[in-house]
Amino acid sequence: MSLVRRATPEDAEELLRLRQVMIDSVFTARSGGPSDTSWHAESLPTLRHRLAEPEGDFVAFVVDRPEPSGGLAALAAGTLDYRIGRAGHPHGLVGCVFSVATDPDQRRKGYARAVMEVLLHWFRERGAASVDLNASPEAEPLYASLGFVRKPDPSMRLNLRDA
């Protein structure tokens, strides 16, 4: 039996908690400020709704914490995006991993690798030709071992809430 399972709407609060673990490990360390969890309550209904769509373009895979503590130990979440095809990629399906987190006290047990492997399998089953993610320096060795490579990034972003 696999440690990894697909997240359900009942896992939504724990997914937000683990996403905050990831956000804090990447961004709060830079800013030195306290974590901002004020967005959790507003995000919760949307996350529950998305988790309830079994054939949707969003998925999260999790590992449960060992008993008796309960909750989740690890998370990998991603979306399947469509872009107009091109040579070598005619169907235009691209996976995007946007949240991988393991509770600090559950690290070094292989949980992040396990959830990532299941998420990558999910992308392959749905026909994604590639998968994108942003890696922290600490996580880059894991992603490299799974076959990810750095790419030149011409990306730009417009924050529509600020424009």
C-alpha atoms as a PDB file:
ATOM      1  CA  MET A   1       0.000   0.000   0.000  1.00  0.00           C
ATOM      2  CA  SER A   2       1.304   3.436  -0.986  1.00  0.00           C
ATOM      3  CA  LEU A   3       1.824   6.192   1.555  1.00  0.00           C
ATOM      4  CA  VAL A   4       0.493   8.693  -0.970  1.00  0.00           C
ATOM      5  CA  ARG A   5      -3.173   9.423  -1.558  1.00  0.00           C
ATOM      6  CA  ARG A   6      -5.137  12.022  -3.454  1.00  0.00           C
ATOM      7  CA  ALA A   7      -6.286  14.894  -1.255  1.00  0.00           C
ATOM      8  CA  THR A   8     -10.003  15.311  -0.602  1.00  0.00           C
ATOM      9  CA  PRO A   9     -12.076  18.361   0.361  1.00  0.00           C
ATOM     10  CA  GLU A  10     -11.742  17.262   3.994  1.00  0.00           C
ATOM     11  CA  ASP A  11      -7.968  17.837   3.705  1.00  0.00           C
ATOM     12  CA  ALA A  12      -8.325  21.481   2.664  1.00  0.00           C
ATOM     13  CA  GLU A  13      -7.376  23.073   5.998  1.00  0.00           C
ATOM     14  CA  GLU A  14      -4.285  20.875   6.274  1.00  0.00           C
ATOM     15  CA  LEU A  15      -3.323  21.678   2.668  1.00  0.00           C
ATOM     16  CA  LEU A  16      -3.465  25.382   3.488  1.00  0.00           C
ATOM     17  CA  ARG A  17      -1.356  24.765   6.591  1.00  0.00           C
ATOM     18  CA  LEU A  18       1.277  22.887   4.568  1.00  0.00           C
ATOM     19  CA  ARG A  19       1.195  25.508   1.803  1.00  0.00           C
ATOM     20  CA  GLN A  20       1.954  28.062   4.514  1.00  0.00           C
ATOM     21  CA  VAL A  21       4.906  25.897   5.616  1.00  0.00           C
ATOM     22  CA  MET A  22       6.226  26.116   2.033  1.00  0.00           C
ATOM     23  CA  ILE A  23       5.554  29.854   1.761  1.00  0.00           C
ATOM     24  CA  ASP A  24       7.220  30.523   5.105  1.00  0.00           C
ATOM     25  CA  SER A  25      10.276  28.445   4.242  1.00  0.00           C
ATOM     26  CA  VAL A  26      10.803  30.337   0.984  1.00  0.00           C
ATOM     27  CA  PHE A  27       9.532  33.868   1.561  1.00  0.00           C
ATOM     28  CA  THR A  28       9.405  34.591   5.305  1.00  0.00           C
ATOM     29  CA  ALA A  29      13.056  33.646   5.607  1.00  0.00           C
ATOM     30  CA  ARG A  30      13.821  36.427   3.104  1.00  0.00           C
ATOM     31  CA  SER A  31      11.594  39.051   4.699  1.00  0.00           C
ATOM     32  CA  GLY A  32      12.203  38.094   8.303  1.00  0.00           C
ATOM     33  CA  GLY A  33       8.563  38.934   8.990  1.00  0.00           C
ATOM     34  CA  PRO A  34       5.833  36.848  10.565  1.00  0.00           C
ATOM     35  CA  SER A  35       3.701  34.625   8.379  1.00  0.00           C
ATOM     36  CA  ASP A  36       0.496  36.042   7.016  1.00  0.00           C
ATOM     37  CA  THR A  37      -2.266  33.464   7.323  1.00  0.00           C
ATOM     38  CA  SER A  38      -5.137  35.932   6.946  1.00  0.00           C
ATOM     39  CA  TRP A  39      -5.871  34.583   3.444  1.00  0.00           C
ATOM     40  CA  HIS A  40      -6.580  31.016   4.613  1.00  0.00           C
ATOM     41  CA  ALA A  41     -10.251  31.547   5.526  1.00  0.00           C
ATOM     42  CA  GLU A  42     -11.023  33.191   2.193  1.00  0.00           C
ATOM     43  CA  SER A  43      -9.149  30.513   0.232  1.00  0.00           C
ATOM     44  CA  LEU A  44     -10.710  27.522   2.011  1.00  0.00           C
ATOM     45  CA  PRO A  45     -14.063  27.307   0.116  1.00  0.00           C
ATOM     46  CA  THR A  46     -12.344  27.571  -3.276  1.00  0.00           C
ATOM     47  CA  LEU A  47      -9.806  24.898  -2.352  1.00  0.00           C
ATOM     48  CA  ARG A  48     -12.527  22.561  -1.100  1.00  0.00           C
ATOM     49  CA  HIS A  49     -14.453  23.062  -4.338  1.00  0.00           C
ATOM     50  CA  ARG A  50     -11.380  22.358  -6.502  1.00  0.00           C
ATOM     51  CA  LEU A  51     -10.507  19.236  -4.491  1.00  0.00           C
ATOM     52  CA  ALA A  52     -14.038  17.925  -5.098  1.00  0.00           C
ATOM     53  CA  GLU A  53     -13.558  17.950  -8.903  1.00  0.00           C
ATOM     54  CA  PRO A  54     -12.160  14.454  -9.652  1.00  0.00           C
ATOM     55  CA  GLU A  55     -11.615  15.188 -13.349  1.00  0.00           C
ATOM     56  CA  GLY A  56     -10.526  18.803 -12.934  1.00  0.00           C
ATOM     57  CA  ASP A  57      -7.200  20.360 -13.893  1.00  0.00           C
ATOM     58  CA  PHE A  58      -6.060  20.750 -10.247  1.00  0.00           C
ATOM     59  CA  VAL A  59      -4.816  17.973  -7.994  1.00  0.00           C
ATOM     60  CA  ALA A  60      -3.027  17.535  -4.682  1.00  0.00           C
ATOM     61  CA  PHE A  61      -1.380  14.398  -3.370  1.00  0.00           C
ATOM     62  CA  VAL A  62      -0.579  13.964   0.315  1.00  0.00           C
ATOM     63  CA  VAL A  63       1.030  11.729   2.895  1.00  0.00           C
ATOM     64  CA  ASP A  64      -0.747  11.384   6.234  1.00  0.00           C
ATOM     65  CA  ARG A  65       1.207  11.992   9.420  1.00  0.00           C
ATOM     66  CA  PRO A  66       1.871   8.837  11.356  1.00  0.00           C
ATOM     67  CA  GLU A  67      -0.669   8.112  14.066  1.00  0.00           C
ATOM     68  CA  PRO A  68      -1.543   9.239  16.692  1.00  0.00           C
ATOM     69  CA  SER A  69      -0.841  12.884  15.780  1.00  0.00           C
ATOM     70  CA  GLY A  70      -2.961  12.913  12.629  1.00  0.00           C
ATOM     71  CA  GLY A  71      -3.036  15.578   9.970  1.00  0.00           C
ATOM     72  CA  LEU A  72      -0.810  15.658   6.918  1.00  0.00           C
ATOM     73  CA  ALA A  73       2.949  15.243   6.700  1.00  0.00           C
ATOM     74  CA  ALA A  74       3.543  16.214   3.060  1.00  0.00           C
ATOM     75  CA  LEU A  75       1.870  17.739   0.032  1.00  0.00           C
ATOM     76  CA  ALA A  76       2.473  18.157  -3.714  1.00  0.00           C
ATOM     77  CA  ALA A  77      -0.075  20.141  -5.712  1.00  0.00           C
ATOM     78  CA  GLY A  78      -0.275  21.125  -9.330  1.00  0.00           C
ATOM     79  CA  THR A  79      -2.397  22.066 -12.292  1.00  0.00           C
ATOM     80  CA  LEU A  80      -2.643  20.945 -15.870  1.00  0.00           C
ATOM     81  CA  ASP A  81      -2.603  23.938 -18.236  1.00  0.00           C
ATOM     82  CA  TYR A  82      -3.463  24.144 -21.908  1.00  0.00           C
ATOM     83  CA  ARG A  83      -1.419  26.237 -24.296  1.00  0.00           C
ATOM     84  CA  ILE A  84      -1.858  26.274 -28.056  1.00  0.00           C
ATOM     85  CA  GLY A  85       0.344  23.493 -29.413  1.00  0.00           C
ATOM     86  CA  ARG A  86       3.601  23.816 -31.287  1.00  0.00           C
ATOM     87  CA  ALA A  87       6.073  21.562 -33.080  1.00  0.00           C
ATOM     88  CA  GLY A  88       7.027  18.694 -30.804  1.00  0.00           C
ATOM     89  CA  HIS A  89       4.171  19.563 -28.457  1.00  0.00           C
ATOM     90  CA  PRO A  90       0.995  19.577 -30.590  1.00  0.00           C
ATOM     91  CA  HIS A  91      -1.535  19.114 -27.770  1.00  0.00           C
ATOM     92  CA  GLY A  92      -0.198  21.951 -25.622  1.00  0.00           C
ATOM     93  CA  LEU A  93      -0.673  20.337 -22.201  1.00  0.00           C
ATOM     94  CA  VAL A  94       1.791  21.500 -19.552  1.00  0.00           C
ATOM     95  CA  GLY A  95       1.934  20.517 -15.900  1.00  0.00           C
ATOM     96  CA  CYS A  96       2.688  23.107 -13.259  1.00  0.00           C
ATOM     97  CA  VAL A  97       3.811  22.137  -9.762  1.00  0.00           C
ATOM     98  CA  PHE A  98       3.188  25.071  -7.449  1.00  0.00           C
ATOM     99  CA  SER A  99       3.273  23.705  -3.934  1.00  0.00           C
ATOM    100  CA  VAL A 100       5.440  20.997  -2.406  1.00  0.00           C
ATOM    101  CA  ALA A 101       5.786  20.984   1.359  1.00  0.00           C
ATOM    102  CA  THR A 102       6.759  18.644   4.155  1.00  0.00           C
ATOM    103  CA  ASP A 103       6.343  19.447   7.820  1.00  0.00           C
ATOM    104  CA  PRO A 104       9.789  20.175   9.266  1.00  0.00           C
ATOM    105  CA  ASP A 105       9.550  17.300  11.760  1.00  0.00           C
ATOM    106  CA  GLN A 106       8.627  14.853   8.961  1.00  0.00           C
ATOM    107  CA  ARG A 107      11.465  15.676   6.559  1.00  0.00           C
ATOM    108  CA  ARG A 108      14.111  13.203   5.362  1.00  0.00           C
ATOM    109  CA  LYS A 109      11.609  10.346   5.196  1.00  0.00           C
ATOM    110  CA  GLY A 110      11.095  10.387   1.409  1.00  0.00           C
ATOM    111  CA  TYR A 111       7.641  11.976   1.564  1.00  0.00           C
ATOM    112  CA  ALA A 112       8.356  14.856  -0.849  1.00  0.00           C
ATOM    113  CA  ARG A 113       9.771  12.419  -3.408  1.00  0.00           C
ATOM    114  CA  ALA A 114       6.781  10.104  -2.973  1.00  0.00           C
ATOM    115  CA  VAL A 115       4.156  12.816  -3.540  1.00  0.00           C
ATOM    116  CA  MET A 116       6.141  14.270  -6.456  1.00  0.00           C
ATOM    117  CA  GLU A 117       6.400  10.870  -8.175  1.00  0.00           C
ATOM    118  CA  VAL A 118       2.630  10.370  -7.935  1.00  0.00           C
ATOM    119  CA  LEU A 119       1.973  13.919  -9.169  1.00  0.00           C
ATOM    120  CA  LEU A 120       4.315  13.393 -12.148  1.00  0.00           C
ATOM    121  CA  HIS A 121       2.484  10.153 -12.955  1.00  0.00           C
ATOM    122  CA  TRP A 122      -0.825  12.077 -12.876  1.00  0.00           C
ATOM    123  CA  PHE A 123       0.599  14.608 -15.366  1.00  0.00           C
ATOM    124  CA  ARG A 124       1.835  11.824 -17.669  1.00  0.00           C
ATOM    125  CA  GLU A 125      -1.547  10.044 -17.604  1.00  0.00           C
ATOM    126  CA  ARG A 126      -3.237  13.247 -18.728  1.00  0.00           C
ATOM    127  CA  GLY A 127      -0.830  13.837 -21.618  1.00  0.00           C
ATOM    128  CA  ALA A 128       1.344  16.657 -20.323  1.00  0.00           C
ATOM    129  CA  ALA A 129       4.464  17.005 -22.458  1.00  0.00           C
ATOM    130  CA  SER A 130       6.404  18.914 -19.785  1.00  0.00           C
ATOM    131  CA  VAL A 131       6.152  20.026 -16.170  1.00  0.00           C
ATOM    132  CA  ASP A 132       7.288  23.373 -14.777  1.00  0.00           C
ATOM    133  CA  LEU A 133       8.099  24.345 -11.208  1.00  0.00           C
ATOM    134  CA  ASN A 134      10.091  26.857  -9.203  1.00  0.00           C
ATOM    135  CA  ALA A 135      12.664  25.290  -6.909  1.00  0.00           C
ATOM    136  CA  SER A 136      14.177  26.582  -3.721  1.00  0.00           C
ATOM    137  CA  PRO A 137      17.907  25.911  -3.391  1.00  0.00           C
ATOM    138  CA  GLU A 138      17.149  23.307  -0.698  1.00  0.00           C
ATOM    139  CA  ALA A 139      14.706  21.406  -2.930  1.00  0.00           C
ATOM    140  CA  GLU A 140      16.662  21.598  -6.184  1.00  0.00           C
ATOM    141  CA  PRO A 141      18.589  18.318  -5.615  1.00  0.00           C
ATOM    142  CA  LEU A 142      15.287  16.419  -5.243  1.00  0.00           C
ATOM    143  CA  TYR A 143      13.867  17.887  -8.447  1.00  0.00           C
ATOM    144  CA  ALA A 144      17.115  17.313 -10.336  1.00  0.00           C
ATOM    145  CA  SER A 145      17.045  13.650  -9.270  1.00  0.00           C
ATOM    146  CA  LEU A 146      13.536  13.436 -10.771  1.00  0.00           C
ATOM    147  CA  GLY A 147      14.830  14.798 -14.101  1.00  0.00           C
ATOM    148  CA  PHE A 148      14.067  18.531 -13.808  1.00  0.00           C
ATOM    149  CA  VAL A 149      16.628  20.912 -15.312  1.00  0.00           C
ATOM    150  CA  ARG A 150      17.083  24.657 -15.009  1.00  0.00           C
ATOM    151  CA  LYS A 151      15.894  26.595 -18.027  1.00  0.00           C
ATOM    152  CA  PRO A 152      16.520  30.109 -19.222  1.00  0.00           C
ATOM    153  CA  ASP A 153      13.539  32.012 -17.934  1.00  0.00           C
ATOM    154  CA  PRO A 154      12.135  34.825 -20.027  1.00  0.00           C
ATOM    155  CA  SER A 155       9.041  34.953 -17.817  1.00  0.00           C
ATOM    156  CA  MET A 156       7.458  38.197 -16.778  1.00  0.00           C
ATOM    157  CA  ARG A 157       4.476  38.771 -14.494  1.00  0.00           C
ATOM    158  CA  LEU A 158       1.810  41.450 -14.114  1.00  0.00           C
ATOM    159  CA  ASN A 159       0.035  41.466 -10.777  1.00  0.00           C
ATOM    160  CA  LEU A 160      -3.544  42.394 -11.770  1.00  0.00           C
ATOM    161  CA  ARG A 161      -4.467  43.406  -8.243  1.00  0.00           C
ATOM    162  CA  ASP A 162      -1.809  46.137  -8.365  1.00  0.00           C
ATOM    163  CA  ALA A 163      -2.268  47.286 -11.980  1.00  0.00           C
END
